[in-house]
Amino acid sequence: MAIELRNVSLRVGAETHIYETSLSLEPGQFNILLGTTLSGKTSLMRLMAGLEKPSSGTLWANGEEVTGVAVQKRSVAMVYQAFINYPSFSVYDNIASPLKVAGLAKKEIDTRVRKFADLLQLTPMLERLPNELSGGQQQRTALARALVKGADLVLLDEPLANLDYKLREELRDELPKMFADTGATVVYATSEPLEALMLGGYTATLNEGRVIQFGKTSTIYRHPQNLESARVFSDPPVNIAAIEKRGGSAHLSDSISWRVPPQLAAMPDGSYKIGLRPHHLSPDGTGVEVKGEVQIAEISGSESIVRVIVEGNNWVSETHGIHSYEFGQSASFYFDSSRCLYFDANGLLIETGV
């Protein structure tokens, strides 16, 4: 189902939840809404589903306007992070409920239910009631009910957030495959940049009710159109600093400089900004050396995350391996200048071909 939002906005009282937005999603795409809490992801999905009527603008499905058409009259399935199941129905009957409403034959219902129950590791629990399940099992039941429906538009609002790590990883791999041949348009909301990268497809970055950028996920990651999009698509936060371009060199300070890429050489001298992702700033290796004062050092599994002040900027280094630091310690870090993203005074990306 092709979904199009034309100049759509959503206001609740004096508050604007979604600023004027135009967005087009083609059939068969896996689309990700990426943004922090309160960025507008759920509000945008509710508009697409028909659960909310836009304050302005129009919504279209397969070339027909559906603004104000009730969700019950659309081919839509939606799963929330806060799972919803029928408490008096067994897991089997919860999953089967949309198929029974649609009037499918009993054999077809049974085939579909068992297919998705197996996929979501629910087969041993089909006769249980929701209150006999763990939170993760209840979420999987709600997810199975949405998937079994075979809707043209599937809206998934952080559906894996309550699942254990192993199952979450498995479903991240499986979800795009599940819909690959269905022709359904899938919209998946997440606050995790890594999850967006793993799911692939297309991504819209959101911030405070605005869609900042939309395109192929890998393109958005590598070429954020502006600083806001770069910030949304980085966790830990992208490292940002003001630089001065003088001739063919970029200067972070009087003592820290490097050659700018050829594509930037023709730009006028003056003030710019760089963005450097945390995993490109390392305590080991070669490249541009910067020294900073360590604020926090965290070890997460086999990775070290170090927060450090570099030339007055709060930067983060994320590297493999165990690196121990003391608070206030002076330490050296290195980065490859070709990994830098360059932005102009208005925060817009300057294409460097990286």
Protein backbone atom coordinates (compact mmCIF):
# COMPACT_ATOMS: atom_id res chain seq x y z
CA MET A 1 0.00 0.00 0.00
CA ALA A 2 1.46 3.36 -1.04
CA ILE A 3 1.09 5.86 1.79
CA GLU A 4 1.44 9.59 1.28
CA LEU A 5 1.22 12.44 3.77
CA ARG A 6 0.69 15.82 2.15
CA ASN A 7 1.47 18.81 4.39
CA VAL A 8 0.07 16.96 7.40
CA SER A 9 0.23 18.44 10.89
CA LEU A 10 -1.17 17.45 14.28
CA ARG A 11 -1.98 19.87 17.06
CA VAL A 12 -3.45 19.04 20.44
CA GLY A 13 -4.65 22.18 22.15
CA ALA A 14 -1.83 24.69 22.11
CA GLU A 15 0.81 21.99 21.51
CA THR A 16 2.06 20.92 18.10
CA HIS A 17 2.85 17.19 18.04
CA ILE A 18 3.63 17.01 14.30
CA TYR A 19 4.71 20.03 12.29
CA GLU A 20 3.75 20.24 8.62
CA THR A 21 5.08 17.05 7.06
CA SER A 22 5.08 15.57 3.56
CA LEU A 23 6.22 11.97 3.25
CA SER A 24 5.73 9.24 0.65
CA LEU A 25 6.13 5.52 1.40
CA GLU A 26 6.05 3.04 -1.46
CA PRO A 27 4.57 -0.50 -1.33
CA GLY A 28 6.95 -3.20 -0.18
CA GLN A 29 9.30 -0.82 1.66
CA PHE A 30 10.58 -1.33 5.18
CA ASN A 31 10.53 2.17 6.66
CA ILE A 32 12.04 3.26 9.97
CA LEU A 33 11.05 6.27 12.06
CA LEU A 34 14.15 7.11 14.10
CA GLY A 35 14.04 9.59 16.95
CA THR A 36 14.20 10.01 20.68
CA THR A 37 11.22 9.84 23.03
CA LEU A 38 8.67 12.60 22.21
CA SER A 39 10.15 13.17 18.75
CA GLY A 40 6.76 12.40 17.16
CA LYS A 41 7.17 8.77 16.05
CA THR A 42 3.96 7.43 17.63
CA SER A 43 1.91 10.48 16.62
CA LEU A 44 3.04 10.07 13.00
CA MET A 45 2.11 6.37 13.03
CA ARG A 46 -1.33 7.11 14.52
CA LEU A 47 -1.93 9.57 11.71
CA MET A 48 -0.96 6.94 9.13
CA ALA A 49 -3.26 4.38 10.77
CA GLY A 50 -6.25 6.70 10.93
CA LEU A 51 -6.31 6.69 14.72
CA GLU A 52 -5.76 10.47 14.66
CA LYS A 53 -7.18 12.99 12.21
CA PRO A 54 -4.66 15.57 11.01
CA SER A 55 -5.15 19.18 12.04
CA SER A 56 -4.19 20.16 8.50
CA GLY A 57 -3.15 18.41 5.30
CA THR A 58 -4.33 15.15 3.77
CA LEU A 59 -3.47 11.43 3.82
CA TRP A 60 -3.56 9.18 0.76
CA ALA A 61 -3.47 5.41 0.31
CA ASN A 62 -2.90 3.90 -3.13
CA GLY A 63 -3.76 7.23 -4.73
CA GLU A 64 -7.04 7.71 -2.84
CA GLU A 65 -7.55 10.25 -0.09
CA VAL A 66 -8.26 8.55 3.25
CA THR A 67 -8.15 11.58 5.55
CA GLY A 68 -10.65 10.87 8.32
CA VAL A 69 -11.37 7.30 7.20
CA ALA A 70 -11.60 5.10 10.31
CA VAL A 71 -8.85 2.57 10.96
CA GLN A 72 -11.45 -0.24 10.85
CA LYS A 73 -12.00 0.52 7.17
CA ARG A 74 -8.32 0.31 6.30
CA SER A 75 -6.00 -2.66 5.84
CA VAL A 76 -3.81 -1.70 8.80
CA ALA A 77 -2.15 -3.59 11.65
CA MET A 78 -0.36 -1.89 14.54
CA VAL A 79 1.76 -3.12 17.44
CA TYR A 80 2.72 -0.89 20.35
CA GLN A 81 5.62 -1.18 22.73
CA ALA A 82 2.98 -1.53 25.47
CA PHE A 83 1.46 -4.81 24.30
CA ILE A 84 -2.31 -5.28 24.14
CA ASN A 85 -3.94 -8.74 24.23
CA TYR A 86 -7.42 -10.08 24.96
CA PRO A 87 -7.10 -11.31 28.58
CA SER A 88 -9.80 -14.02 28.30
CA PHE A 89 -8.46 -15.46 25.02
CA SER A 90 -5.76 -18.09 24.79
CA VAL A 91 -2.59 -17.23 22.90
CA TYR A 92 -3.96 -19.22 19.96
CA ASP A 93 -7.25 -17.30 19.94
CA ASN A 94 -5.48 -13.96 20.37
CA ILE A 95 -3.40 -14.61 17.27
CA ALA A 96 -6.37 -16.01 15.36
CA SER A 97 -8.78 -13.18 16.25
CA PRO A 98 -8.28 -10.95 13.17
CA LEU A 99 -8.54 -13.97 10.88
CA LYS A 100 -11.82 -15.05 12.47
CA VAL A 101 -13.21 -11.54 12.04
CA ALA A 102 -12.16 -11.68 8.39
CA GLY A 103 -14.11 -14.96 7.98
CA LEU A 104 -11.24 -17.20 6.91
CA ALA A 105 -11.70 -20.96 6.86
CA LYS A 106 -10.72 -22.83 10.03
CA LYS A 107 -7.91 -24.73 8.29
CA GLU A 108 -6.39 -21.55 6.85
CA ILE A 109 -6.58 -19.89 10.26
CA ASP A 110 -4.84 -22.83 11.91
CA THR A 111 -2.06 -22.86 9.30
CA ARG A 112 -1.36 -19.15 9.67
CA VAL A 113 -1.53 -19.14 13.48
CA ARG A 114 0.90 -22.01 13.81
CA LYS A 115 3.27 -20.51 11.26
CA PHE A 116 3.67 -17.26 13.21
CA ALA A 117 3.56 -18.97 16.59
CA ASP A 118 6.53 -21.06 15.49
CA LEU A 119 8.35 -18.04 14.10
CA LEU A 120 7.91 -16.14 17.37
CA GLN A 121 8.62 -19.16 19.58
CA LEU A 122 5.08 -19.31 20.98
CA THR A 123 4.07 -22.85 20.00
CA PRO A 124 4.40 -24.32 23.54
CA MET A 125 2.19 -21.54 24.90
CA LEU A 126 -0.73 -21.58 22.48
CA GLU A 127 -3.22 -22.79 25.09
CA ARG A 128 -2.15 -20.37 27.82
CA LEU A 129 -3.89 -17.12 28.78
CA PRO A 130 -1.98 -13.83 28.57
CA ASN A 131 -1.69 -13.48 32.35
CA GLU A 132 0.18 -16.80 32.39
CA LEU A 133 2.90 -15.37 30.15
CA SER A 134 5.95 -13.22 30.76
CA GLY A 135 5.98 -9.68 29.42
CA GLY A 136 8.14 -10.69 26.48
CA GLN A 137 5.81 -13.59 25.62
CA GLN A 138 2.80 -11.27 25.72
CA GLN A 139 4.58 -8.86 23.38
CA ARG A 140 5.33 -11.70 20.98
CA THR A 141 1.65 -12.67 21.05
CA ALA A 142 0.63 -9.13 20.12
CA LEU A 143 3.25 -9.08 17.37
CA ALA A 144 2.06 -12.43 15.97
CA ARG A 145 -1.55 -11.16 15.89
CA ALA A 146 -0.48 -8.17 13.81
CA LEU A 147 1.67 -10.19 11.42
CA VAL A 148 -0.86 -12.98 10.85
CA LYS A 149 -3.41 -10.46 9.61
CA GLY A 150 -1.50 -9.86 6.38
CA ALA A 151 -2.35 -6.14 6.36
CA ASP A 152 -1.21 -3.81 3.57
CA LEU A 153 0.15 -1.33 6.12
CA VAL A 154 1.96 -2.64 9.22
CA LEU A 155 2.91 -0.16 11.94
CA LEU A 156 5.37 -1.37 14.57
CA ASP A 157 5.95 1.05 17.45
CA GLU A 158 9.17 -0.15 19.15
CA PRO A 159 7.78 -3.72 19.19
CA LEU A 160 10.98 -5.43 20.33
CA ALA A 161 11.75 -3.18 23.29
CA ASN A 162 10.38 -5.61 25.90
CA LEU A 163 12.01 -8.74 24.49
CA ASP A 164 15.16 -10.41 25.74
CA TYR A 165 18.39 -9.66 23.89
CA LYS A 166 18.68 -12.95 21.98
CA LEU A 167 15.12 -12.92 20.65
CA ARG A 168 15.38 -9.23 19.80
CA GLU A 169 18.47 -9.91 17.71
CA GLU A 170 16.78 -12.83 15.94
CA LEU A 171 13.66 -10.83 15.11
CA ARG A 172 15.67 -7.88 13.83
CA ASP A 173 17.06 -10.26 11.23
CA GLU A 174 13.74 -11.94 10.51
CA LEU A 175 11.32 -9.00 10.35
CA PRO A 176 12.48 -7.55 7.01
CA LYS A 177 12.42 -11.07 5.53
CA MET A 178 8.87 -11.67 6.79
CA PHE A 179 7.55 -8.81 4.69
CA ALA A 180 9.92 -9.07 1.72
CA ASP A 181 7.40 -10.84 -0.54
CA THR A 182 4.12 -9.58 0.94
CA GLY A 183 4.02 -6.18 -0.75
CA ALA A 184 3.10 -4.64 2.61
CA THR A 185 4.41 -1.24 3.59
CA VAL A 186 6.04 -1.56 7.01
CA VAL A 187 6.72 1.36 9.33
CA TYR A 188 8.95 0.62 12.31
CA ALA A 189 9.58 3.15 15.09
CA THR A 190 12.76 3.01 17.13
CA SER A 191 14.97 5.26 19.24
CA GLU A 192 18.07 3.14 18.56
CA PRO A 193 20.33 4.12 15.62
CA LEU A 194 21.98 0.67 15.64
CA GLU A 195 18.59 -1.00 15.26
CA ALA A 196 17.81 1.22 12.26
CA LEU A 197 21.10 0.23 10.63
CA MET A 198 20.46 -3.46 11.27
CA LEU A 199 16.95 -3.31 9.79
CA GLY A 200 18.08 -1.38 6.70
CA GLY A 201 15.42 -0.20 4.25
CA TYR A 202 14.54 3.47 4.46
CA THR A 203 14.76 5.81 7.45
CA ALA A 204 13.14 9.09 8.46
CA THR A 205 14.98 10.97 11.20
CA LEU A 206 12.66 12.88 13.52
CA ASN A 207 13.20 15.63 16.07
CA GLU A 208 10.53 17.47 18.08
CA GLY A 209 7.71 16.68 15.67
CA ARG A 210 9.61 17.31 12.46
CA VAL A 211 10.85 14.88 9.83
CA ILE A 212 14.41 16.05 9.27
CA GLN A 213 15.49 13.70 6.48
CA PHE A 214 14.15 10.66 4.65
CA GLY A 215 15.95 8.20 2.38
CA LYS A 216 17.85 4.92 2.28
CA THR A 217 19.04 4.07 5.77
CA SER A 218 22.69 3.69 4.79
CA THR A 219 22.60 7.03 2.95
CA ILE A 220 21.06 8.88 5.88
CA TYR A 221 23.74 7.45 8.16
CA ARG A 222 26.69 8.26 5.90
CA HIS A 223 25.38 11.56 4.57
CA PRO A 224 23.12 13.29 7.11
CA GLN A 225 21.85 16.46 5.45
CA ASN A 226 22.35 18.50 8.60
CA LEU A 227 23.67 18.41 12.15
CA GLU A 228 20.25 17.53 13.58
CA SER A 229 20.01 14.40 11.45
CA ALA A 230 23.56 13.44 12.42
CA ARG A 231 22.66 13.85 16.09
CA VAL A 232 19.54 11.68 15.78
CA PHE A 233 21.50 8.97 13.96
CA SER A 234 24.24 8.54 16.57
CA ASP A 235 24.30 6.81 19.94
CA PRO A 236 26.54 7.66 21.78
CA PRO A 237 26.14 11.26 20.55
CA VAL A 238 28.11 12.38 17.51
CA ASN A 239 31.15 14.49 18.40
CA ILE A 240 30.75 18.07 17.19
CA ALA A 241 33.28 20.90 17.16
CA ALA A 242 33.78 24.26 15.50
CA ILE A 243 36.75 24.51 13.14
CA GLU A 244 38.40 27.21 11.08
CA LYS A 245 39.32 26.59 7.44
CA ARG A 246 42.49 28.36 6.44
CA GLY A 247 43.68 27.59 2.96
CA GLY A 248 43.90 23.84 2.61
CA SER A 249 43.80 23.12 6.34
CA ALA A 250 41.14 22.68 9.01
CA HIS A 251 42.05 23.96 12.47
CA LEU A 252 40.43 22.65 15.63
CA SER A 253 42.86 24.84 17.57
CA ASP A 254 46.20 26.54 16.95
CA SER A 255 47.98 23.24 17.61
CA ILE A 256 45.52 20.75 16.07
CA SER A 257 44.98 20.81 12.31
CA TRP A 258 44.75 18.57 9.25
CA ARG A 259 44.38 18.79 5.48
CA VAL A 260 40.80 19.25 4.31
CA PRO A 261 39.44 16.86 1.65
CA PRO A 262 39.81 18.05 -1.97
CA GLN A 263 36.07 18.69 -2.24
CA LEU A 264 36.33 21.25 0.57
CA ALA A 265 39.47 22.97 -0.67
CA ALA A 266 37.52 25.38 -2.89
CA MET A 267 35.22 26.48 -0.06
CA PRO A 268 35.85 29.99 1.34
CA ASP A 269 38.02 30.27 4.42
CA GLY A 270 36.04 30.73 7.60
CA SER A 271 34.08 28.94 10.31
CA TYR A 272 32.61 25.46 9.86
CA LYS A 273 31.67 22.51 12.05
CA ILE A 274 32.71 18.88 12.00
CA GLY A 275 30.90 15.77 13.14
CA LEU A 276 32.85 12.68 14.17
CA ARG A 277 31.16 9.48 15.27
CA PRO A 278 32.36 8.07 18.61
CA HIS A 279 33.67 4.82 17.10
CA HIS A 280 35.97 6.89 14.89
CA LEU A 281 37.71 8.40 17.94
CA SER A 282 40.17 5.91 19.38
CA PRO A 283 42.81 5.80 22.13
CA ASP A 284 44.91 3.68 19.76
CA GLY A 285 46.19 4.13 16.25
CA THR A 286 47.34 7.00 14.11
CA GLY A 287 45.84 10.09 12.57
CA VAL A 288 45.02 13.43 14.12
CA GLU A 289 45.94 13.44 17.81
CA VAL A 290 43.78 15.29 20.32
CA LYS A 291 44.29 15.47 24.07
CA GLY A 292 41.49 15.78 26.54
CA GLU A 293 40.42 15.51 30.15
CA VAL A 294 38.54 12.31 30.95
CA GLN A 295 35.14 12.81 32.60
CA ILE A 296 33.58 9.34 32.60
CA ALA A 297 34.89 5.95 31.51
CA GLU A 298 32.43 3.07 31.15
CA ILE A 299 33.07 -0.54 30.19
CA SER A 300 30.16 -2.29 28.48
CA GLY A 301 30.94 -5.90 27.67
CA SER A 302 33.97 -5.78 25.40
CA GLU A 303 33.65 -2.08 24.61
CA SER A 304 34.92 1.03 26.35
CA ILE A 305 33.04 4.32 26.27
CA VAL A 306 35.04 7.34 27.39
CA ARG A 307 33.63 10.85 27.74
CA VAL A 308 36.34 13.46 27.42
CA ILE A 309 36.63 17.23 27.04
CA VAL A 310 38.57 18.11 23.88
CA GLU A 311 39.27 21.81 23.28
CA GLY A 312 36.18 22.70 25.31
CA ASN A 313 33.95 20.20 23.51
CA ASN A 314 32.30 17.21 25.18
CA TRP A 315 33.36 14.25 23.05
CA VAL A 316 32.86 10.50 23.33
CA SER A 317 35.17 7.66 22.30
CA GLU A 318 33.68 4.20 21.75
CA THR A 319 36.19 1.43 21.09
CA HIS A 320 36.57 -2.33 21.33
CA GLY A 321 38.67 -3.60 24.19
CA ILE A 322 39.08 -2.58 27.80
CA HIS A 323 40.56 0.87 28.39
CA SER A 324 40.79 2.11 31.97
CA TYR A 325 40.96 5.79 32.91
CA GLU A 326 40.74 7.92 36.02
CA PHE A 327 38.48 10.95 36.36
CA GLY A 328 40.35 14.10 35.36
CA GLN A 329 43.15 12.17 33.66
CA SER A 330 44.71 13.72 30.58
CA ALA A 331 44.61 11.26 27.67
CA SER A 332 45.35 11.20 23.94
CA PHE A 333 42.85 10.08 21.30
CA TYR A 334 43.18 9.78 17.54
CA PHE A 335 40.91 10.07 14.51
CA ASP A 336 41.18 9.68 10.78
CA SER A 337 40.30 13.10 9.34
CA SER A 338 38.70 11.43 6.29
CA ARG A 339 35.96 10.20 8.64
CA CYS A 340 34.84 13.73 9.50
CA LEU A 341 31.51 15.12 8.37
CA TYR A 342 31.73 18.81 7.48
CA PHE A 343 28.87 21.26 8.00
CA ASP A 344 28.51 24.93 7.07
CA ALA A 345 27.56 27.77 9.42
CA ASN A 346 23.86 26.84 9.07
CA GLY A 347 24.53 23.23 10.04
CA LEU A 348 24.03 21.87 6.50
CA LEU A 349 26.23 19.05 5.23
CA ILE A 350 29.03 19.87 2.80
CA GLU A 351 29.40 16.84 0.56
CA THR A 352 32.96 15.51 0.65
CA GLY A 353 32.39 12.16 -1.04
CA VAL A 354 33.24 10.23 2.15
